[in-house]
N, C-alpha and C. Protein backbone atom coordinates (compact mmCIF):
# COMPACT_ATOMS: atom_id res chain seq x y z
N UNK A 1 2.45 10.34 2.80
CA UNK A 1 1.25 9.90 2.11
C UNK A 1 0.27 11.06 2.09
N UNK A 2 -0.36 11.21 0.99
CA UNK A 2 -1.41 12.22 0.89
C UNK A 2 -2.73 11.55 1.27
N UNK A 3 -3.10 11.72 2.54
CA UNK A 3 -4.25 11.02 3.11
C UNK A 3 -5.56 11.34 2.38
N UNK A 4 -5.77 12.59 2.05
CA UNK A 4 -7.02 12.98 1.38
C UNK A 4 -7.11 12.32 0.00
N UNK A 5 -6.00 12.30 -0.74
CA UNK A 5 -5.96 11.62 -2.03
C UNK A 5 -6.30 10.14 -1.88
N UNK A 6 -5.71 9.50 -0.87
CA UNK A 6 -5.93 8.07 -0.64
C UNK A 6 -7.40 7.80 -0.31
N UNK A 7 -7.98 8.59 0.57
CA UNK A 7 -9.38 8.40 0.95
C UNK A 7 -10.30 8.65 -0.25
N UNK A 8 -10.05 9.70 -1.02
CA UNK A 8 -10.87 9.98 -2.20
C UNK A 8 -10.77 8.86 -3.22
N UNK A 9 -9.58 8.32 -3.41
CA UNK A 9 -9.39 7.23 -4.36
C UNK A 9 -10.14 5.99 -3.91
N UNK A 10 -10.09 5.69 -2.63
CA UNK A 10 -10.78 4.51 -2.12
C UNK A 10 -12.30 4.66 -2.22
N UNK A 11 -12.79 5.88 -2.02
CA UNK A 11 -14.24 6.10 -2.13
C UNK A 11 -14.73 5.84 -3.54
N UNK A 12 -13.89 6.06 -4.53
CA UNK A 12 -14.26 5.85 -5.93
C UNK A 12 -14.03 4.42 -6.40
N UNK A 13 -13.35 3.62 -5.59
CA UNK A 13 -12.98 2.26 -5.97
C UNK A 13 -14.18 1.33 -5.80
N UNK A 14 -14.69 0.75 -6.90
CA UNK A 14 -15.86 -0.13 -6.78
C UNK A 14 -15.57 -1.43 -6.03
N UNK A 15 -14.29 -1.78 -5.88
CA UNK A 15 -13.92 -3.01 -5.17
C UNK A 15 -14.01 -2.84 -3.65
N UNK A 16 -14.04 -1.61 -3.19
CA UNK A 16 -14.10 -1.35 -1.75
C UNK A 16 -15.49 -0.87 -1.38
N UNK A 17 -15.93 -1.30 -0.21
CA UNK A 17 -17.25 -0.85 0.23
C UNK A 17 -17.16 -0.27 1.63
N UNK A 18 -17.83 0.82 1.82
CA UNK A 18 -17.95 1.42 3.14
C UNK A 18 -16.75 2.22 3.58
N UNK A 19 -17.03 3.17 4.45
CA UNK A 19 -15.97 4.04 4.97
C UNK A 19 -15.06 3.29 5.94
N UNK A 20 -15.61 2.29 6.64
CA UNK A 20 -14.78 1.55 7.59
C UNK A 20 -13.60 0.89 6.88
N UNK A 21 -13.84 0.28 5.72
CA UNK A 21 -12.77 -0.35 4.96
C UNK A 21 -11.72 0.66 4.53
N UNK A 22 -12.16 1.81 4.09
CA UNK A 22 -11.24 2.86 3.66
C UNK A 22 -10.43 3.39 4.84
N UNK A 23 -11.10 3.60 5.96
CA UNK A 23 -10.42 4.12 7.14
C UNK A 23 -9.39 3.12 7.66
N UNK A 24 -9.75 1.84 7.62
CA UNK A 24 -8.83 0.79 8.05
C UNK A 24 -7.59 0.76 7.16
N UNK A 25 -7.78 0.83 5.85
CA UNK A 25 -6.64 0.83 4.93
C UNK A 25 -5.76 2.05 5.13
N UNK A 26 -6.38 3.19 5.39
CA UNK A 26 -5.59 4.40 5.64
C UNK A 26 -4.74 4.21 6.90
N UNK A 27 -5.33 3.67 7.95
CA UNK A 27 -4.59 3.43 9.20
C UNK A 27 -3.43 2.47 8.98
N UNK A 28 -3.67 1.43 8.20
CA UNK A 28 -2.62 0.46 7.90
C UNK A 28 -1.51 1.07 7.06
N UNK A 29 -1.88 1.94 6.13
CA UNK A 29 -0.88 2.62 5.30
C UNK A 29 -0.02 3.54 6.18
N UNK A 30 -0.64 4.22 7.12
CA UNK A 30 0.12 5.09 8.03
C UNK A 30 1.06 4.26 8.91
N UNK A 31 0.60 3.10 9.34
CA UNK A 31 1.44 2.21 10.13
C UNK A 31 2.63 1.73 9.30
N UNK A 32 2.39 1.41 8.03
CA UNK A 32 3.48 1.00 7.14
C UNK A 32 4.50 2.13 6.99
N UNK A 33 4.02 3.35 6.83
CA UNK A 33 4.92 4.51 6.75
C UNK A 33 5.80 4.60 7.98
N UNK A 34 5.20 4.41 9.14
CA UNK A 34 5.93 4.51 10.40
C UNK A 34 7.02 3.43 10.47
N UNK A 35 6.67 2.21 10.11
CA UNK A 35 7.62 1.10 10.14
C UNK A 35 8.75 1.32 9.14
N UNK A 36 8.39 1.75 7.94
CA UNK A 36 9.38 1.94 6.88
C UNK A 36 10.23 3.19 7.10
N UNK A 37 9.68 4.16 7.80
CA UNK A 37 10.39 5.42 8.00
C UNK A 37 10.46 6.24 6.72
N UNK A 38 9.51 6.01 5.84
CA UNK A 38 9.46 6.70 4.55
C UNK A 38 8.03 7.13 4.25
N UNK A 39 7.91 8.23 3.52
CA UNK A 39 6.61 8.67 3.03
C UNK A 39 6.21 7.73 1.89
N UNK A 40 4.95 7.33 1.86
CA UNK A 40 4.50 6.41 0.80
C UNK A 40 4.60 7.02 -0.58
N UNK A 41 4.57 8.33 -0.68
CA UNK A 41 4.77 8.99 -1.98
C UNK A 41 6.13 8.60 -2.55
N UNK A 42 7.13 8.58 -1.70
CA UNK A 42 8.48 8.20 -2.11
C UNK A 42 8.53 6.73 -2.48
N UNK A 43 7.89 5.89 -1.68
CA UNK A 43 7.92 4.44 -1.91
C UNK A 43 7.28 4.08 -3.24
N UNK A 44 6.10 4.59 -3.51
CA UNK A 44 5.38 4.17 -4.72
C UNK A 44 5.93 4.80 -6.00
N UNK A 45 6.83 5.76 -5.86
CA UNK A 45 7.44 6.39 -7.03
C UNK A 45 8.63 5.60 -7.57
N UNK A 46 9.09 4.60 -6.81
CA UNK A 46 10.29 3.84 -7.19
C UNK A 46 9.99 2.35 -7.02
N UNK A 47 9.94 1.60 -8.12
CA UNK A 47 9.56 0.19 -8.05
C UNK A 47 10.51 -0.64 -7.19
N UNK A 48 11.79 -0.37 -7.26
CA UNK A 48 12.73 -1.13 -6.42
C UNK A 48 12.50 -0.84 -4.94
N UNK A 49 12.22 0.41 -4.61
CA UNK A 49 11.92 0.77 -3.23
C UNK A 49 10.59 0.16 -2.80
N UNK A 50 9.64 0.10 -3.70
CA UNK A 50 8.36 -0.53 -3.41
C UNK A 50 8.57 -2.01 -3.07
N UNK A 51 9.35 -2.68 -3.88
CA UNK A 51 9.65 -4.10 -3.64
C UNK A 51 10.33 -4.27 -2.28
N UNK A 52 11.36 -3.46 -2.03
CA UNK A 52 12.08 -3.54 -0.76
C UNK A 52 11.15 -3.29 0.44
N UNK A 53 10.23 -2.36 0.27
CA UNK A 53 9.29 -2.03 1.35
C UNK A 53 8.33 -3.19 1.61
N UNK A 54 7.82 -3.79 0.56
CA UNK A 54 6.95 -4.95 0.74
C UNK A 54 7.69 -6.10 1.41
N UNK A 55 8.95 -6.29 1.04
CA UNK A 55 9.75 -7.35 1.66
C UNK A 55 10.01 -7.05 3.14
N UNK A 56 10.17 -5.79 3.47
CA UNK A 56 10.40 -5.42 4.87
C UNK A 56 9.13 -5.64 5.71
N UNK A 57 7.97 -5.38 5.12
CA UNK A 57 6.71 -5.56 5.84
C UNK A 57 6.31 -7.03 5.97
N UNK A 58 6.71 -7.83 5.02
CA UNK A 58 6.27 -9.23 4.94
C UNK A 58 6.47 -10.02 6.24
N UNK A 59 7.64 -10.01 6.87
CA UNK A 59 7.80 -10.81 8.10
C UNK A 59 7.04 -10.25 9.31
N UNK A 60 6.51 -9.06 9.20
CA UNK A 60 5.80 -8.43 10.31
C UNK A 60 4.31 -8.74 10.30
N UNK A 61 3.85 -9.48 9.27
CA UNK A 61 2.43 -9.72 9.11
C UNK A 61 2.11 -11.21 9.17
N UNK A 62 0.84 -11.49 9.41
CA UNK A 62 0.33 -12.85 9.36
C UNK A 62 0.46 -13.35 7.92
N UNK A 63 1.07 -14.51 7.70
CA UNK A 63 1.28 -14.99 6.32
C UNK A 63 0.00 -15.13 5.50
N UNK A 64 -1.13 -15.34 6.15
CA UNK A 64 -2.39 -15.51 5.42
C UNK A 64 -3.14 -14.19 5.22
N UNK A 65 -2.67 -13.16 5.88
CA UNK A 65 -3.36 -11.87 5.79
C UNK A 65 -2.29 -10.78 5.86
N UNK A 66 -2.15 -10.00 4.83
CA UNK A 66 -1.08 -8.99 4.74
C UNK A 66 -1.67 -7.59 4.61
N UNK A 67 -2.31 -7.08 5.65
CA UNK A 67 -3.02 -5.81 5.50
C UNK A 67 -2.15 -4.59 5.21
N UNK A 68 -0.95 -4.51 5.80
CA UNK A 68 -0.11 -3.34 5.50
C UNK A 68 0.38 -3.42 4.06
N UNK A 69 0.76 -4.60 3.62
CA UNK A 69 1.20 -4.76 2.24
C UNK A 69 0.06 -4.44 1.27
N UNK A 70 -1.14 -4.89 1.62
CA UNK A 70 -2.30 -4.61 0.76
C UNK A 70 -2.60 -3.12 0.68
N UNK A 71 -2.50 -2.43 1.81
CA UNK A 71 -2.74 -0.98 1.83
C UNK A 71 -1.68 -0.28 0.98
N UNK A 72 -0.43 -0.71 1.09
CA UNK A 72 0.64 -0.12 0.29
C UNK A 72 0.41 -0.40 -1.20
N UNK A 73 -0.01 -1.61 -1.53
CA UNK A 73 -0.30 -1.95 -2.92
C UNK A 73 -1.45 -1.11 -3.48
N UNK A 74 -2.48 -0.84 -2.66
CA UNK A 74 -3.59 0.01 -3.09
C UNK A 74 -3.09 1.42 -3.39
N UNK A 75 -2.25 1.94 -2.52
CA UNK A 75 -1.72 3.29 -2.72
C UNK A 75 -0.91 3.34 -4.02
N UNK A 76 -0.10 2.31 -4.24
CA UNK A 76 0.68 2.21 -5.47
C UNK A 76 -0.26 2.23 -6.68
N UNK A 77 -1.31 1.45 -6.61
CA UNK A 77 -2.27 1.36 -7.71
C UNK A 77 -2.91 2.72 -8.00
N UNK A 78 -3.34 3.41 -6.96
CA UNK A 78 -3.99 4.72 -7.16
C UNK A 78 -3.01 5.74 -7.72
N UNK A 79 -1.77 5.69 -7.29
CA UNK A 79 -0.77 6.65 -7.76
C UNK A 79 -0.26 6.34 -9.17
N UNK A 80 -0.11 5.08 -9.49
CA UNK A 80 0.54 4.69 -10.75
C UNK A 80 -0.42 4.14 -11.81
N UNK A 81 -1.65 3.89 -11.43
CA UNK A 81 -2.63 3.40 -12.39
C UNK A 81 -2.40 1.96 -12.85
N UNK A 82 -1.60 1.24 -12.11
CA UNK A 82 -1.34 -0.17 -12.41
C UNK A 82 -1.00 -0.88 -11.12
N UNK A 83 -1.18 -2.18 -11.13
CA UNK A 83 -0.88 -2.97 -9.94
C UNK A 83 0.60 -3.31 -9.91
N UNK A 84 1.14 -3.39 -8.71
CA UNK A 84 2.53 -3.80 -8.55
C UNK A 84 2.59 -5.32 -8.68
N UNK A 85 3.62 -5.84 -9.38
CA UNK A 85 3.68 -7.30 -9.58
C UNK A 85 3.81 -8.06 -8.26
N UNK A 86 3.43 -9.32 -8.30
CA UNK A 86 3.64 -10.19 -7.14
C UNK A 86 5.13 -10.24 -6.86
N UNK A 87 5.47 -10.42 -5.59
CA UNK A 87 6.88 -10.39 -5.19
C UNK A 87 7.72 -11.42 -5.93
N UNK A 88 7.18 -12.61 -6.13
CA UNK A 88 7.96 -13.65 -6.80
C UNK A 88 8.07 -13.43 -8.31
N UNK A 89 7.31 -12.47 -8.85
CA UNK A 89 7.42 -12.15 -10.28
C UNK A 89 8.19 -10.88 -10.56
N UNK A 90 8.56 -10.15 -9.51
CA UNK A 90 9.23 -8.86 -9.70
C UNK A 90 10.68 -9.07 -10.15
N UNK A 91 11.06 -8.29 -11.15
CA UNK A 91 12.45 -8.32 -11.62
C UNK A 91 13.00 -6.91 -11.59
N UNK A 92 14.18 -6.78 -11.02
CA UNK A 92 14.83 -5.46 -10.95
C UNK A 92 15.40 -5.09 -12.27
């Protein structure tokens, strides 16, 4: 993951407020990288890998709050300029 790119993107995002939120998302994205054993650059470049990664993170999180998945989705959005589909809508 390119941490500086991620932080700069979050600072420009009107939906996010404050550095604490950005720092938390960065930490969660790094944790996701560690769990997945993959660089997020690789994950967000391949939609099937993105889907597989979200599915791998899903059982590790609270069902009502998915912070690692959300951080990964934000990174995908900043890199690809579009949101990744909901898991139940994704088609390979």
